[in-house]
Amino acid sequence: MKVRYTIPAMDFQAAGKASTEVKRLLSRLGLGAEFIKRIVVAMYEGEMNIAIHGGGGIVELDVDPMSVEIRLIDHGPGIEDIGLAMTEGYSTASEAVRSMGFGAGMGLPNMKRNADSLEIDSAPGAGTRVRLAFSIPDSRAEAFPAGGGLG
């Protein structure tokens, strides 16, 4: 199953809607609450990064019997120093964004903490692509129909 969402720049309500929809979708598939929470937290952080820093972009969700993968693709200025950006508390958010309660510098660290795997491809002037992967617990993977179809 593949789903795609568009996240407009600086639209904080649209950013939260995608992760809310994904939570409902994964719940209908019967995945566990703690597993879903990890996915939704990581996805929400990514959505907010797209809205705040990325000039807008897209979120792609791919669910198969063994895993959930999220790809976050933005049109922003790119990340100059990924290592620094992964530091808890480091933020390039504007004062206006921070005054709304966003931009605490926990986005990428929270994504890493919740995902089984995190890959970031970015360079100044080239936008950013993030891939998050989550392995579905074995007990749930066995419940999916043979052949990998989810509906």
N, C-alpha and C. Protein backbone atom coordinates (compact mmCIF):
# COMPACT_ATOMS: atom_id res chain seq x y z
N MET A 1 0.84 -1.16 0.00
CA MET A 1 0.00 0.00 0.00
C MET A 1 0.90 1.23 0.00
N LYS A 2 0.59 2.14 -0.88
CA LYS A 2 1.36 3.37 -0.98
C LYS A 2 0.41 4.56 -0.84
N VAL A 3 0.82 5.56 -0.07
CA VAL A 3 0.04 6.77 0.12
C VAL A 3 1.01 7.94 0.03
N ARG A 4 0.51 9.06 -0.52
CA ARG A 4 1.36 10.24 -0.70
C ARG A 4 0.61 11.47 -0.18
N TYR A 5 1.34 12.33 0.52
CA TYR A 5 0.77 13.56 1.07
C TYR A 5 1.62 14.74 0.64
N THR A 6 0.97 15.86 0.37
CA THR A 6 1.67 17.11 0.06
C THR A 6 1.66 17.97 1.32
N ILE A 7 2.83 18.50 1.67
CA ILE A 7 2.97 19.36 2.84
C ILE A 7 3.38 20.75 2.36
N PRO A 8 2.47 21.73 2.44
CA PRO A 8 2.82 23.08 2.01
C PRO A 8 3.79 23.75 3.00
N ALA A 9 4.57 24.67 2.50
CA ALA A 9 5.49 25.43 3.36
C ALA A 9 4.70 26.23 4.39
N MET A 10 5.18 26.19 5.63
CA MET A 10 4.66 26.97 6.75
C MET A 10 3.18 26.71 7.07
N ASP A 11 2.63 25.61 6.61
CA ASP A 11 1.24 25.26 6.91
C ASP A 11 1.25 24.17 7.98
N PHE A 12 1.20 24.60 9.23
CA PHE A 12 1.35 23.68 10.35
C PHE A 12 0.15 22.76 10.52
N GLN A 13 -1.03 23.19 10.12
CA GLN A 13 -2.21 22.32 10.21
C GLN A 13 -2.14 21.20 9.18
N ALA A 14 -1.72 21.50 7.98
CA ALA A 14 -1.59 20.46 6.95
C ALA A 14 -0.54 19.44 7.35
N ALA A 15 0.54 19.90 7.96
CA ALA A 15 1.61 18.99 8.37
C ALA A 15 1.10 17.96 9.36
N GLY A 16 0.30 18.33 10.29
CA GLY A 16 -0.22 17.39 11.28
C GLY A 16 -1.28 16.45 10.75
N LYS A 17 -1.98 16.84 9.69
CA LYS A 17 -3.05 16.00 9.15
C LYS A 17 -2.53 14.69 8.58
N ALA A 18 -1.41 14.73 7.92
CA ALA A 18 -0.89 13.51 7.30
C ALA A 18 -0.58 12.44 8.35
N SER A 19 0.11 12.81 9.42
CA SER A 19 0.44 11.81 10.44
C SER A 19 -0.81 11.32 11.16
N THR A 20 -1.81 12.17 11.31
CA THR A 20 -3.08 11.74 11.90
C THR A 20 -3.76 10.70 11.01
N GLU A 21 -3.78 10.94 9.71
CA GLU A 21 -4.36 9.97 8.78
C GLU A 21 -3.60 8.65 8.79
N VAL A 22 -2.28 8.72 8.86
CA VAL A 22 -1.47 7.51 8.89
C VAL A 22 -1.75 6.72 10.17
N LYS A 23 -1.93 7.40 11.27
CA LYS A 23 -2.27 6.72 12.53
C LYS A 23 -3.55 5.91 12.36
N ARG A 24 -4.58 6.52 11.76
CA ARG A 24 -5.85 5.81 11.54
C ARG A 24 -5.66 4.63 10.61
N LEU A 25 -4.92 4.83 9.53
CA LEU A 25 -4.68 3.77 8.55
C LEU A 25 -3.98 2.58 9.19
N LEU A 26 -2.92 2.83 9.93
CA LEU A 26 -2.17 1.74 10.55
C LEU A 26 -2.98 1.04 11.64
N SER A 27 -3.83 1.80 12.32
CA SER A 27 -4.72 1.18 13.32
C SER A 27 -5.70 0.23 12.66
N ARG A 28 -6.26 0.62 11.52
CA ARG A 28 -7.18 -0.25 10.78
C ARG A 28 -6.49 -1.52 10.30
N LEU A 29 -5.19 -1.45 10.07
CA LEU A 29 -4.43 -2.64 9.66
C LEU A 29 -4.13 -3.56 10.84
N GLY A 30 -4.44 -3.10 12.04
CA GLY A 30 -4.26 -3.94 13.21
C GLY A 30 -2.87 -3.91 13.81
N LEU A 31 -2.08 -2.92 13.46
CA LEU A 31 -0.74 -2.82 14.04
C LEU A 31 -0.84 -2.30 15.48
N GLY A 32 0.11 -2.66 16.31
CA GLY A 32 0.08 -2.31 17.73
C GLY A 32 0.24 -0.83 18.00
N ALA A 33 -0.35 -0.39 19.11
CA ALA A 33 -0.36 1.03 19.47
C ALA A 33 1.05 1.60 19.65
N GLU A 34 1.94 0.88 20.32
CA GLU A 34 3.30 1.39 20.53
C GLU A 34 4.07 1.50 19.22
N PHE A 35 3.88 0.53 18.33
CA PHE A 35 4.53 0.56 17.02
C PHE A 35 4.02 1.75 16.22
N ILE A 36 2.71 1.95 16.22
CA ILE A 36 2.11 3.08 15.50
C ILE A 36 2.61 4.40 16.07
N LYS A 37 2.70 4.49 17.39
CA LYS A 37 3.18 5.72 18.03
C LYS A 37 4.56 6.10 17.53
N ARG A 38 5.47 5.13 17.44
CA ARG A 38 6.82 5.41 16.94
C ARG A 38 6.77 5.99 15.53
N ILE A 39 5.96 5.39 14.68
CA ILE A 39 5.85 5.84 13.29
C ILE A 39 5.28 7.25 13.23
N VAL A 40 4.20 7.49 13.97
CA VAL A 40 3.52 8.78 13.91
C VAL A 40 4.40 9.90 14.48
N VAL A 41 5.12 9.63 15.56
CA VAL A 41 6.02 10.65 16.12
C VAL A 41 7.09 11.02 15.10
N ALA A 42 7.73 10.02 14.51
CA ALA A 42 8.78 10.29 13.53
C ALA A 42 8.23 11.01 12.30
N MET A 43 7.06 10.58 11.84
CA MET A 43 6.47 11.21 10.65
C MET A 43 6.07 12.66 10.94
N TYR A 44 5.47 12.91 12.09
CA TYR A 44 5.09 14.27 12.45
C TYR A 44 6.30 15.19 12.48
N GLU A 45 7.38 14.73 13.09
CA GLU A 45 8.61 15.53 13.13
C GLU A 45 9.08 15.85 11.71
N GLY A 46 9.03 14.86 10.83
CA GLY A 46 9.43 15.07 9.45
C GLY A 46 8.52 16.05 8.72
N GLU A 47 7.22 15.91 8.94
CA GLU A 47 6.27 16.84 8.33
C GLU A 47 6.55 18.27 8.76
N MET A 48 6.79 18.46 10.06
CA MET A 48 7.06 19.80 10.55
C MET A 48 8.36 20.35 9.97
N ASN A 49 9.37 19.51 9.82
CA ASN A 49 10.61 19.97 9.19
C ASN A 49 10.37 20.41 7.76
N ILE A 50 9.53 19.66 7.03
CA ILE A 50 9.20 20.05 5.66
C ILE A 50 8.50 21.40 5.65
N ALA A 51 7.53 21.58 6.55
CA ALA A 51 6.77 22.83 6.59
C ALA A 51 7.63 24.01 7.03
N ILE A 52 8.47 23.80 8.04
CA ILE A 52 9.26 24.89 8.61
C ILE A 52 10.51 25.21 7.79
N HIS A 53 11.27 24.19 7.44
CA HIS A 53 12.58 24.40 6.82
C HIS A 53 12.63 24.08 5.33
N GLY A 54 11.73 23.23 4.89
CA GLY A 54 11.87 22.64 3.56
C GLY A 54 11.18 23.32 2.42
N GLY A 55 10.51 24.43 2.67
CA GLY A 55 9.83 25.09 1.57
C GLY A 55 8.68 24.27 1.01
N GLY A 56 8.15 23.36 1.80
CA GLY A 56 7.11 22.45 1.33
C GLY A 56 7.73 21.20 0.75
N GLY A 57 6.89 20.21 0.55
CA GLY A 57 7.39 18.95 -0.01
C GLY A 57 6.36 17.86 0.07
N ILE A 58 6.82 16.63 0.05
CA ILE A 58 5.91 15.49 0.07
C ILE A 58 6.35 14.46 1.10
N VAL A 59 5.37 13.67 1.53
CA VAL A 59 5.61 12.52 2.40
C VAL A 59 5.02 11.32 1.67
N GLU A 60 5.81 10.29 1.52
CA GLU A 60 5.35 9.05 0.90
C GLU A 60 5.39 7.94 1.94
N LEU A 61 4.30 7.21 2.06
CA LEU A 61 4.20 6.09 2.98
C LEU A 61 4.07 4.82 2.16
N ASP A 62 4.84 3.81 2.51
CA ASP A 62 4.79 2.52 1.83
C ASP A 62 4.70 1.44 2.90
N VAL A 63 3.60 0.70 2.89
CA VAL A 63 3.39 -0.35 3.89
C VAL A 63 3.33 -1.69 3.17
N ASP A 64 4.14 -2.64 3.63
CA ASP A 64 4.06 -4.01 3.12
C ASP A 64 4.01 -4.94 4.33
N PRO A 65 3.87 -6.23 4.13
CA PRO A 65 3.71 -7.13 5.27
C PRO A 65 4.87 -7.14 6.26
N MET A 66 6.04 -6.70 5.85
CA MET A 66 7.21 -6.76 6.73
C MET A 66 7.63 -5.41 7.29
N SER A 67 7.23 -4.31 6.63
CA SER A 67 7.77 -3.02 7.06
C SER A 67 6.87 -1.85 6.69
N VAL A 68 7.16 -0.74 7.32
CA VAL A 68 6.58 0.55 6.98
C VAL A 68 7.75 1.45 6.63
N GLU A 69 7.66 2.11 5.49
CA GLU A 69 8.71 3.04 5.08
C GLU A 69 8.09 4.40 4.82
N ILE A 70 8.76 5.43 5.29
CA ILE A 70 8.33 6.81 5.07
C ILE A 70 9.47 7.53 4.37
N ARG A 71 9.13 8.21 3.28
CA ARG A 71 10.09 9.05 2.57
C ARG A 71 9.60 10.49 2.66
N LEU A 72 10.48 11.37 3.10
CA LEU A 72 10.18 12.80 3.25
C LEU A 72 11.08 13.55 2.27
N ILE A 73 10.47 14.30 1.38
CA ILE A 73 11.23 14.98 0.33
C ILE A 73 10.83 16.45 0.33
N ASP A 74 11.81 17.33 0.50
CA ASP A 74 11.46 18.76 0.53
C ASP A 74 12.19 19.53 -0.56
N HIS A 75 11.80 20.80 -0.67
CA HIS A 75 12.34 21.69 -1.70
C HIS A 75 13.18 22.80 -1.07
N GLY A 76 13.67 22.56 0.11
CA GLY A 76 14.36 23.60 0.87
C GLY A 76 15.82 23.78 0.51
N PRO A 77 16.52 24.54 1.34
CA PRO A 77 17.91 24.88 1.07
C PRO A 77 18.90 23.75 1.36
N GLY A 78 18.41 22.64 1.90
CA GLY A 78 19.31 21.54 2.25
C GLY A 78 19.91 21.74 3.63
N ILE A 79 20.55 20.70 4.11
CA ILE A 79 21.18 20.74 5.43
C ILE A 79 22.69 20.84 5.23
N GLU A 80 23.26 21.88 5.77
CA GLU A 80 24.69 22.11 5.59
C GLU A 80 25.55 21.10 6.36
N ASP A 81 25.16 20.81 7.59
CA ASP A 81 25.94 19.90 8.44
C ASP A 81 24.97 18.93 9.12
N ILE A 82 24.80 17.74 8.54
CA ILE A 82 23.84 16.77 9.06
C ILE A 82 24.19 16.35 10.48
N GLY A 83 25.46 16.16 10.77
CA GLY A 83 25.88 15.80 12.13
C GLY A 83 25.42 16.82 13.16
N LEU A 84 25.61 18.09 12.85
CA LEU A 84 25.18 19.16 13.75
C LEU A 84 23.66 19.18 13.86
N ALA A 85 22.98 19.00 12.74
CA ALA A 85 21.51 19.01 12.73
C ALA A 85 20.93 17.86 13.56
N MET A 86 21.68 16.79 13.75
CA MET A 86 21.23 15.65 14.55
C MET A 86 21.42 15.88 16.05
N THR A 87 22.05 16.97 16.43
CA THR A 87 22.30 17.29 17.83
C THR A 87 21.01 17.77 18.50
N GLU A 88 20.63 17.14 19.61
CA GLU A 88 19.43 17.58 20.33
C GLU A 88 19.56 19.04 20.73
N GLY A 89 18.54 19.82 20.43
CA GLY A 89 18.51 21.23 20.77
C GLY A 89 19.02 22.16 19.69
N TYR A 90 19.69 21.62 18.67
CA TYR A 90 20.17 22.47 17.57
C TYR A 90 19.01 22.78 16.65
N SER A 91 18.81 24.05 16.33
CA SER A 91 17.70 24.46 15.48
C SER A 91 18.08 25.66 14.63
N THR A 92 17.59 25.67 13.42
CA THR A 92 17.74 26.84 12.56
C THR A 92 16.39 27.53 12.35
N ALA A 93 15.39 27.16 13.16
CA ALA A 93 14.06 27.77 13.05
C ALA A 93 14.12 29.25 13.41
N SER A 94 13.29 30.02 12.73
CA SER A 94 13.23 31.46 12.99
C SER A 94 12.58 31.73 14.35
N GLU A 95 12.77 32.94 14.84
CA GLU A 95 12.13 33.34 16.10
C GLU A 95 10.62 33.26 15.98
N ALA A 96 10.07 33.61 14.82
CA ALA A 96 8.62 33.55 14.63
C ALA A 96 8.12 32.12 14.80
N VAL A 97 8.83 31.17 14.24
CA VAL A 97 8.45 29.75 14.36
C VAL A 97 8.60 29.30 15.80
N ARG A 98 9.67 29.69 16.44
CA ARG A 98 9.89 29.29 17.85
C ARG A 98 8.82 29.88 18.76
N SER A 99 8.37 31.10 18.46
CA SER A 99 7.34 31.73 19.30
C SER A 99 6.01 30.99 19.22
N MET A 100 5.83 30.16 18.19
CA MET A 100 4.62 29.33 18.07
C MET A 100 4.78 27.97 18.74
N GLY A 101 5.95 27.72 19.32
CA GLY A 101 6.18 26.47 20.03
C GLY A 101 6.86 25.39 19.21
N PHE A 102 7.33 25.74 18.02
CA PHE A 102 8.03 24.79 17.17
C PHE A 102 9.52 25.14 17.14
N GLY A 103 10.33 24.29 16.52
CA GLY A 103 11.73 24.60 16.32
C GLY A 103 12.61 24.41 17.54
N ALA A 104 12.30 23.40 18.36
CA ALA A 104 13.08 23.14 19.57
C ALA A 104 14.35 22.35 19.30
N GLY A 105 14.56 21.94 18.06
CA GLY A 105 15.77 21.19 17.74
C GLY A 105 15.70 19.72 18.11
N MET A 106 14.50 19.17 18.14
CA MET A 106 14.34 17.75 18.49
C MET A 106 13.82 16.92 17.32
N GLY A 107 13.54 17.55 16.18
CA GLY A 107 12.94 16.85 15.05
C GLY A 107 13.75 15.66 14.57
N LEU A 108 14.96 15.90 14.09
CA LEU A 108 15.79 14.79 13.59
C LEU A 108 16.17 13.80 14.68
N PRO A 109 16.55 14.26 15.89
CA PRO A 109 16.83 13.27 16.94
C PRO A 109 15.62 12.39 17.28
N ASN A 110 14.41 12.97 17.30
CA ASN A 110 13.22 12.17 17.56
C ASN A 110 12.93 11.19 16.43
N MET A 111 13.19 11.61 15.21
CA MET A 111 13.00 10.70 14.07
C MET A 111 13.95 9.51 14.21
N LYS A 112 15.20 9.79 14.54
CA LYS A 112 16.19 8.72 14.69
C LYS A 112 15.83 7.79 15.85
N ARG A 113 15.39 8.37 16.95
CA ARG A 113 15.06 7.60 18.15
C ARG A 113 13.89 6.63 17.89
N ASN A 114 12.94 7.03 17.07
CA ASN A 114 11.74 6.23 16.86
C ASN A 114 11.82 5.26 15.69
N ALA A 115 12.65 5.54 14.70
CA ALA A 115 12.74 4.67 13.52
C ALA A 115 13.73 3.54 13.75
N ASP A 116 13.53 2.43 13.06
CA ASP A 116 14.52 1.36 13.07
C ASP A 116 15.73 1.75 12.24
N SER A 117 15.48 2.59 11.23
CA SER A 117 16.57 3.06 10.39
C SER A 117 16.23 4.44 9.86
N LEU A 118 17.23 5.30 9.79
CA LEU A 118 17.08 6.68 9.31
C LEU A 118 18.21 6.96 8.33
N GLU A 119 17.85 7.42 7.14
CA GLU A 119 18.85 7.83 6.14
C GLU A 119 18.51 9.25 5.71
N ILE A 120 19.53 10.10 5.64
CA ILE A 120 19.34 11.49 5.22
C ILE A 120 20.27 11.76 4.05
N ASP A 121 19.70 12.30 2.99
CA ASP A 121 20.47 12.72 1.82
C ASP A 121 20.18 14.20 1.61
N SER A 122 21.18 15.03 1.82
CA SER A 122 20.98 16.47 1.71
C SER A 122 22.30 17.16 1.42
N ALA A 123 22.19 18.28 0.77
CA ALA A 123 23.34 19.13 0.51
C ALA A 123 22.82 20.56 0.36
N PRO A 124 23.64 21.54 0.72
CA PRO A 124 23.20 22.93 0.56
C PRO A 124 22.73 23.19 -0.87
N GLY A 125 21.54 23.78 -0.98
CA GLY A 125 20.97 24.13 -2.27
C GLY A 125 20.28 22.98 -2.99
N ALA A 126 20.24 21.79 -2.38
CA ALA A 126 19.70 20.62 -3.08
C ALA A 126 18.49 19.99 -2.40
N GLY A 127 17.93 20.62 -1.38
CA GLY A 127 16.81 20.02 -0.68
C GLY A 127 17.26 18.85 0.17
N THR A 128 16.29 18.19 0.77
CA THR A 128 16.59 17.08 1.68
C THR A 128 15.64 15.92 1.41
N ARG A 129 16.20 14.72 1.45
CA ARG A 129 15.42 13.48 1.34
C ARG A 129 15.74 12.64 2.57
N VAL A 130 14.70 12.24 3.27
CA VAL A 130 14.85 11.41 4.48
C VAL A 130 14.07 10.13 4.27
N ARG A 131 14.68 9.02 4.64
CA ARG A 131 14.01 7.71 4.58
C ARG A 131 13.98 7.14 5.99
N LEU A 132 12.78 6.82 6.45
CA LEU A 132 12.57 6.19 7.75
C LEU A 132 12.02 4.79 7.52
N ALA A 133 12.58 3.80 8.18
CA ALA A 133 12.09 2.43 8.04
C ALA A 133 11.75 1.86 9.41
N PHE A 134 10.66 1.09 9.43
CA PHE A 134 10.16 0.45 10.65
C PHE A 134 9.81 -0.98 10.30
N SER A 135 10.38 -1.93 11.01
CA SER A 135 10.07 -3.35 10.78
C SER A 135 8.83 -3.73 11.57
N ILE A 136 7.85 -4.29 10.86
CA ILE A 136 6.61 -4.72 11.52
C ILE A 136 6.94 -5.93 12.39
N PRO A 137 6.48 -5.92 13.64
CA PRO A 137 6.74 -7.07 14.52
C PRO A 137 6.27 -8.37 13.88
N ASP A 138 7.03 -9.44 14.05
CA ASP A 138 6.75 -10.73 13.41
C ASP A 138 5.32 -11.21 13.61
N SER A 139 4.78 -11.06 14.79
CA SER A 139 3.44 -11.58 15.05
C SER A 139 2.40 -10.92 14.16
N ARG A 140 2.58 -9.65 13.83
CA ARG A 140 1.62 -8.95 12.98
C ARG A 140 1.87 -9.26 11.51
N ALA A 141 3.11 -9.39 11.11
CA ALA A 141 3.44 -9.66 9.70
C ALA A 141 2.79 -10.96 9.24
N GLU A 142 2.69 -11.95 10.14
CA GLU A 142 2.10 -13.23 9.78
C GLU A 142 0.60 -13.11 9.50
N ALA A 143 -0.05 -12.07 9.99
CA ALA A 143 -1.48 -11.91 9.81
C ALA A 143 -1.86 -11.30 8.46
N PHE A 144 -0.88 -10.75 7.72
CA PHE A 144 -1.18 -10.17 6.43
C PHE A 144 -1.44 -11.26 5.41
N PRO A 145 -2.28 -10.97 4.39
CA PRO A 145 -2.56 -11.98 3.37
C PRO A 145 -1.30 -12.40 2.62
N ALA A 146 -1.29 -13.65 2.16
CA ALA A 146 -0.16 -14.15 1.35
C ALA A 146 -0.03 -13.30 0.10
N GLY A 147 1.17 -13.12 -0.38
CA GLY A 147 1.40 -12.34 -1.59
C GLY A 147 1.65 -10.87 -1.32
N GLY A 148 1.56 -10.46 -0.06
CA GLY A 148 1.95 -9.09 0.28
C GLY A 148 0.88 -8.05 0.13
N GLY A 149 -0.33 -8.39 -0.31
CA GLY A 149 -1.36 -7.38 -0.48
C GLY A 149 -1.94 -6.94 0.84
N LEU A 150 -2.17 -5.66 0.96
CA LEU A 150 -2.77 -5.12 2.18
C LEU A 150 -4.14 -4.54 1.92
N GLY A 151 -4.62 -4.65 0.74
CA GLY A 151 -5.96 -4.11 0.51
C GLY A 151 -6.07 -3.27 -0.65
